[in-house]
C-alpha cells in the first residue's frame, strides 16, 4: 500500500528525530511506528479476553469455596503468622478489656 501523508510542525520534528536517532529512513520509521501502535492496541483489546479465559477454570475439588473463602483466608493467614507479633492495628493479647498494657507498651 502506498501512503502519502503530510507532517508539519511538531510531528515533522518528531519524525525527523526518530529517523536520525535510529538511522532508519522515514518510511521504515513509519512502518515501525505503526507496528508498535498496532501491538499496543491489540494488547489492550485482548488483555481482558485472555484473562477471562482463566477465570473460574480451576478445579479445587471443593464445592464450598465461594461461601467459605473468608474462613479459609483466616486459616491460611493464621498458619502463616503463627507465633509472630500481632499487626499494628491489633491490640496485643495482654491488653484485654479493662487491663493496662505492659510497661513500655503504649
N, C-alpha and C. Protein backbone atom coordinates (compact mmCIF):
# COMPACT_ATOMS: atom_id res chain seq x y z
N UNK A 1 0.85 -1.17 0.00
CA UNK A 1 0.00 0.00 0.00
C UNK A 1 0.90 1.23 0.00
N UNK A 2 0.59 2.14 -0.80
CA UNK A 2 1.33 3.40 -0.85
C UNK A 2 0.51 4.45 -0.10
N UNK A 3 1.18 5.22 0.75
CA UNK A 3 0.50 6.23 1.56
C UNK A 3 1.23 7.56 1.39
N UNK A 4 0.47 8.60 1.19
CA UNK A 4 1.00 9.96 1.18
C UNK A 4 0.46 10.66 2.42
N UNK A 5 1.36 11.25 3.18
CA UNK A 5 0.93 11.93 4.40
C UNK A 5 1.71 13.23 4.54
N UNK A 6 1.09 14.20 5.13
CA UNK A 6 1.73 15.49 5.35
C UNK A 6 2.03 15.62 6.85
N UNK A 7 3.29 15.84 7.14
CA UNK A 7 3.73 16.07 8.52
C UNK A 7 4.23 17.50 8.60
N UNK A 8 3.70 18.25 9.54
CA UNK A 8 4.11 19.64 9.72
C UNK A 8 4.37 19.90 11.19
N UNK A 9 5.15 20.90 11.48
CA UNK A 9 5.38 21.34 12.85
C UNK A 9 6.02 20.28 13.72
N UNK A 10 5.40 20.07 14.86
CA UNK A 10 5.96 19.14 15.85
C UNK A 10 6.03 17.71 15.33
N UNK A 11 5.01 17.27 14.60
CA UNK A 11 5.01 15.91 14.06
C UNK A 11 6.18 15.73 13.10
N UNK A 12 6.47 16.73 12.29
CA UNK A 12 7.60 16.66 11.37
C UNK A 12 8.92 16.57 12.13
N UNK A 13 9.05 17.38 13.18
CA UNK A 13 10.26 17.35 14.00
C UNK A 13 10.44 15.99 14.67
N UNK A 14 9.36 15.43 15.17
CA UNK A 14 9.43 14.12 15.82
C UNK A 14 9.83 13.04 14.83
N UNK A 15 9.26 13.07 13.66
CA UNK A 15 9.59 12.07 12.64
C UNK A 15 11.05 12.19 12.22
N UNK A 16 11.52 13.40 12.01
CA UNK A 16 12.93 13.61 11.64
C UNK A 16 13.85 13.16 12.76
N UNK A 17 13.49 13.44 13.99
CA UNK A 17 14.30 13.00 15.13
C UNK A 17 14.41 11.47 15.17
N UNK A 18 13.28 10.79 15.01
CA UNK A 18 13.28 9.32 15.05
C UNK A 18 14.13 8.75 13.92
N UNK A 19 14.03 9.33 12.76
CA UNK A 19 14.82 8.84 11.62
C UNK A 19 16.31 9.03 11.90
N UNK A 20 16.67 10.18 12.43
CA UNK A 20 18.09 10.45 12.72
C UNK A 20 18.60 9.58 13.86
N UNK A 21 17.81 9.46 14.93
CA UNK A 21 18.24 8.71 16.11
C UNK A 21 18.38 7.22 15.83
N UNK A 22 17.54 6.68 14.94
CA UNK A 22 17.58 5.25 14.65
C UNK A 22 18.43 4.91 13.43
N UNK A 23 18.72 5.92 12.63
CA UNK A 23 19.47 5.66 11.40
C UNK A 23 18.60 5.03 10.33
N UNK A 24 17.32 5.05 10.49
CA UNK A 24 16.39 4.46 9.52
C UNK A 24 15.83 5.57 8.64
N UNK A 25 15.30 5.16 7.51
CA UNK A 25 14.61 6.10 6.66
C UNK A 25 13.24 6.42 7.22
N UNK A 26 12.64 7.48 6.70
CA UNK A 26 11.34 7.92 7.18
C UNK A 26 10.29 6.81 6.99
N UNK A 27 10.34 6.12 5.86
CA UNK A 27 9.36 5.05 5.62
C UNK A 27 9.49 3.93 6.65
N UNK A 28 10.73 3.57 6.97
CA UNK A 28 10.93 2.49 7.96
C UNK A 28 10.49 2.94 9.35
N UNK A 29 10.76 4.20 9.70
CA UNK A 29 10.30 4.73 10.99
C UNK A 29 8.78 4.67 11.07
N UNK A 30 8.11 5.04 9.98
CA UNK A 30 6.64 5.00 9.97
C UNK A 30 6.13 3.57 10.08
N UNK A 31 6.76 2.63 9.37
CA UNK A 31 6.34 1.21 9.46
C UNK A 31 6.52 0.70 10.89
N UNK A 32 7.66 1.02 11.48
CA UNK A 32 7.92 0.57 12.85
C UNK A 32 6.94 1.21 13.83
N UNK A 33 6.62 2.48 13.61
CA UNK A 33 5.67 3.18 14.49
C UNK A 33 4.28 2.56 14.39
N UNK A 34 3.86 2.25 13.18
CA UNK A 34 2.54 1.63 13.01
C UNK A 34 2.52 0.26 13.68
N UNK A 35 3.61 -0.51 13.52
CA UNK A 35 3.68 -1.84 14.15
C UNK A 35 3.60 -1.72 15.67
N UNK A 36 4.32 -0.76 16.23
CA UNK A 36 4.30 -0.55 17.68
C UNK A 36 2.90 -0.17 18.16
N UNK A 37 2.27 0.75 17.46
CA UNK A 37 0.92 1.19 17.83
C UNK A 37 -0.08 0.04 17.70
N UNK A 38 0.06 -0.73 16.64
CA UNK A 38 -0.81 -1.89 16.44
C UNK A 38 -0.66 -2.90 17.58
N UNK A 39 0.59 -3.22 17.93
CA UNK A 39 0.84 -4.17 19.02
C UNK A 39 0.25 -3.68 20.33
N UNK A 40 0.39 -2.37 20.58
CA UNK A 40 -0.14 -1.79 21.81
C UNK A 40 -1.67 -1.88 21.85
N UNK A 41 -2.32 -1.57 20.77
CA UNK A 41 -3.78 -1.63 20.72
C UNK A 41 -4.28 -3.07 20.85
N UNK A 42 -3.61 -4.00 20.20
CA UNK A 42 -4.03 -5.41 20.31
C UNK A 42 -3.89 -5.91 21.74
N UNK A 43 -2.81 -5.51 22.40
CA UNK A 43 -2.61 -5.94 23.79
C UNK A 43 -3.70 -5.38 24.69
N UNK A 44 -4.09 -4.13 24.48
CA UNK A 44 -5.13 -3.53 25.30
C UNK A 44 -6.49 -4.20 25.05
N UNK A 45 -6.80 -4.45 23.82
CA UNK A 45 -8.11 -5.01 23.49
C UNK A 45 -8.20 -6.48 23.87
N UNK A 46 -7.10 -7.21 23.78
CA UNK A 46 -7.14 -8.65 24.02
C UNK A 46 -6.76 -9.03 25.44
N UNK A 47 -6.21 -8.10 26.21
CA UNK A 47 -5.76 -8.41 27.56
C UNK A 47 -6.84 -9.02 28.42
N UNK A 48 -8.00 -8.40 28.45
CA UNK A 48 -9.09 -8.91 29.29
C UNK A 48 -9.68 -10.19 28.72
N UNK A 49 -9.64 -10.34 27.42
CA UNK A 49 -10.15 -11.57 26.81
C UNK A 49 -9.31 -12.75 27.27
N UNK A 50 -7.98 -12.58 27.27
CA UNK A 50 -7.09 -13.66 27.71
C UNK A 50 -7.29 -13.94 29.19
N UNK A 51 -7.43 -12.89 30.00
CA UNK A 51 -7.63 -13.06 31.43
C UNK A 51 -8.93 -13.80 31.70
N UNK A 52 -9.98 -13.42 31.00
CA UNK A 52 -11.29 -14.02 31.21
C UNK A 52 -11.28 -15.52 30.90
N UNK A 53 -10.38 -15.94 30.03
CA UNK A 53 -10.31 -17.36 29.68
C UNK A 53 -9.87 -18.21 30.88
N UNK A 54 -9.20 -17.59 31.87
CA UNK A 54 -8.70 -18.35 33.02
C UNK A 54 -9.61 -18.26 34.24
N UNK A 55 -10.44 -17.25 34.31
CA UNK A 55 -11.29 -17.05 35.48
C UNK A 55 -12.28 -18.20 35.60
N UNK A 56 -12.33 -18.80 36.76
CA UNK A 56 -13.27 -19.87 37.03
C UNK A 56 -12.90 -21.21 36.42
N UNK A 57 -11.69 -21.36 35.93
CA UNK A 57 -11.28 -22.61 35.27
C UNK A 57 -10.61 -23.59 36.22
N UNK A 58 -10.21 -23.12 37.40
CA UNK A 58 -9.52 -24.00 38.34
C UNK A 58 -10.45 -25.07 38.89
N UNK A 59 -9.89 -26.18 39.22
CA UNK A 59 -10.67 -27.28 39.78
C UNK A 59 -10.06 -27.67 41.12
N UNK A 60 -10.55 -27.04 42.18
CA UNK A 60 -10.00 -27.33 43.51
C UNK A 60 -10.61 -28.59 44.09
N UNK A 61 -11.74 -29.02 43.54
CA UNK A 61 -12.42 -30.16 44.10
C UNK A 61 -13.34 -29.78 45.25
N UNK A 62 -13.36 -28.51 45.60
CA UNK A 62 -14.19 -28.04 46.70
C UNK A 62 -15.43 -27.39 46.14
N UNK A 63 -16.55 -27.64 46.76
CA UNK A 63 -17.79 -27.04 46.32
C UNK A 63 -18.21 -25.86 47.17
N UNK A 64 -17.42 -25.58 48.23
CA UNK A 64 -17.81 -24.53 49.18
C UNK A 64 -16.90 -23.31 49.14
N UNK A 65 -16.11 -23.15 48.11
CA UNK A 65 -15.12 -22.08 48.07
C UNK A 65 -15.77 -20.71 48.18
N UNK A 66 -16.80 -20.44 47.43
CA UNK A 66 -17.43 -19.12 47.43
C UNK A 66 -18.02 -18.78 48.80
N UNK A 67 -18.58 -19.75 49.47
CA UNK A 67 -19.23 -19.49 50.75
C UNK A 67 -18.30 -19.48 51.93
N UNK A 68 -17.11 -20.01 51.80
CA UNK A 68 -16.23 -20.12 52.96
C UNK A 68 -14.86 -19.50 52.74
N UNK A 69 -14.73 -18.62 51.76
CA UNK A 69 -13.41 -18.08 51.47
C UNK A 69 -12.84 -17.26 52.62
N UNK A 70 -13.68 -16.53 53.38
CA UNK A 70 -13.16 -15.74 54.50
C UNK A 70 -12.56 -16.63 55.57
N UNK A 71 -13.23 -17.71 55.89
CA UNK A 71 -12.71 -18.64 56.90
C UNK A 71 -11.41 -19.28 56.42
N UNK A 72 -11.35 -19.61 55.13
CA UNK A 72 -10.14 -20.22 54.58
C UNK A 72 -8.97 -19.23 54.59
N UNK A 73 -9.25 -17.96 54.29
CA UNK A 73 -8.20 -16.94 54.37
C UNK A 73 -7.70 -16.79 55.80
N UNK A 74 -8.61 -16.75 56.74
CA UNK A 74 -8.22 -16.61 58.15
C UNK A 74 -7.36 -17.80 58.58
N UNK A 75 -7.72 -19.00 58.16
CA UNK A 75 -6.92 -20.19 58.49
C UNK A 75 -5.52 -20.08 57.90
N UNK A 76 -5.47 -19.70 56.65
CA UNK A 76 -4.17 -19.58 55.98
C UNK A 76 -3.29 -18.52 56.59
N UNK A 77 -3.87 -17.36 56.87
CA UNK A 77 -3.09 -16.29 57.48
C UNK A 77 -2.68 -16.65 58.90
N UNK A 78 -3.56 -17.32 59.62
CA UNK A 78 -3.22 -17.73 60.98
C UNK A 78 -2.04 -18.68 60.99
N UNK A 79 -2.04 -19.63 60.08
CA UNK A 79 -0.92 -20.57 59.99
C UNK A 79 0.36 -19.87 59.56
N UNK A 80 0.23 -18.91 58.67
CA UNK A 80 1.41 -18.21 58.16
C UNK A 80 2.04 -17.34 59.23
N UNK A 81 1.22 -16.70 60.06
CA UNK A 81 1.73 -15.75 61.04
C UNK A 81 1.73 -16.30 62.46
N UNK A 82 1.68 -17.60 62.60
CA UNK A 82 1.64 -18.24 63.91
C UNK A 82 2.92 -17.89 64.68
N UNK A 83 2.75 -17.43 65.89
CA UNK A 83 3.90 -17.13 66.75
C UNK A 83 4.51 -15.77 66.50
N UNK A 84 3.98 -14.98 65.57
CA UNK A 84 4.52 -13.66 65.29
C UNK A 84 3.74 -12.62 66.08
N UNK A 85 4.34 -11.45 66.21
CA UNK A 85 3.67 -10.35 66.90
C UNK A 85 2.45 -9.93 66.09
N UNK A 86 1.41 -9.46 66.76
CA UNK A 86 0.22 -9.02 66.03
C UNK A 86 0.52 -7.80 65.19
N UNK A 87 -0.29 -7.57 64.19
CA UNK A 87 -0.15 -6.40 63.34
C UNK A 87 -0.38 -5.14 64.16
N UNK A 88 0.06 -4.01 63.66
CA UNK A 88 -0.02 -2.74 64.38
C UNK A 88 -1.45 -2.40 64.77
N UNK A 89 -2.42 -2.70 63.93
CA UNK A 89 -3.80 -2.34 64.22
C UNK A 89 -4.49 -3.29 65.21
N UNK A 90 -3.83 -4.37 65.57
CA UNK A 90 -4.42 -5.32 66.52
C UNK A 90 -3.86 -5.04 67.92
N UNK A 91 -4.71 -5.04 68.94
CA UNK A 91 -4.18 -4.85 70.30
C UNK A 91 -3.41 -6.09 70.73
N UNK A 92 -2.35 -5.91 71.48
CA UNK A 92 -1.60 -7.08 71.97
C UNK A 92 -2.49 -7.96 72.84
N UNK A 93 -2.24 -9.26 72.89
CA UNK A 93 -3.07 -10.16 73.69
C UNK A 93 -3.13 -9.76 75.16
N UNK A 94 -2.10 -9.10 75.68
CA UNK A 94 -2.08 -8.72 77.10
C UNK A 94 -2.98 -7.53 77.39
N UNK A 95 -3.54 -6.90 76.38
CA UNK A 95 -4.40 -5.73 76.57
C UNK A 95 -5.87 -6.10 76.46
N UNK A 96 -6.28 -7.06 77.23
CA UNK A 96 -7.69 -7.42 77.23
C UNK A 96 -8.48 -6.26 77.82
N UNK A 97 -9.77 -6.25 77.59
CA UNK A 97 -10.62 -5.15 78.09
C UNK A 97 -10.43 -4.99 79.59
N UNK A 98 -10.13 -3.74 80.00
CA UNK A 98 -10.03 -3.45 81.42
C UNK A 98 -8.63 -3.68 82.00
N UNK A 99 -7.67 -4.11 81.24
CA UNK A 99 -6.33 -4.30 81.75
C UNK A 99 -5.40 -3.25 81.18
N UNK A 100 -4.32 -2.98 81.86
CA UNK A 100 -3.35 -1.99 81.41
C UNK A 100 -2.28 -2.69 80.57
N UNK A 101 -1.73 -1.97 79.59
CA UNK A 101 -0.65 -2.57 78.80
C UNK A 101 0.60 -2.76 79.67
N UNK A 102 1.43 -3.69 79.27
CA UNK A 102 2.67 -3.95 79.98
C UNK A 102 3.56 -2.72 79.91
N UNK A 103 4.50 -2.59 80.86
CA UNK A 103 5.40 -1.45 80.90
C UNK A 103 6.16 -1.34 79.58
N UNK A 104 6.25 -0.10 79.05
CA UNK A 104 6.97 0.11 77.81
C UNK A 104 6.11 -0.01 76.57
N UNK A 105 4.88 -0.46 76.74
CA UNK A 105 3.97 -0.60 75.59
C UNK A 105 2.89 0.49 75.68
N UNK A 106 2.54 1.04 74.57
CA UNK A 106 1.50 2.07 74.60
C UNK A 106 0.28 1.61 73.90
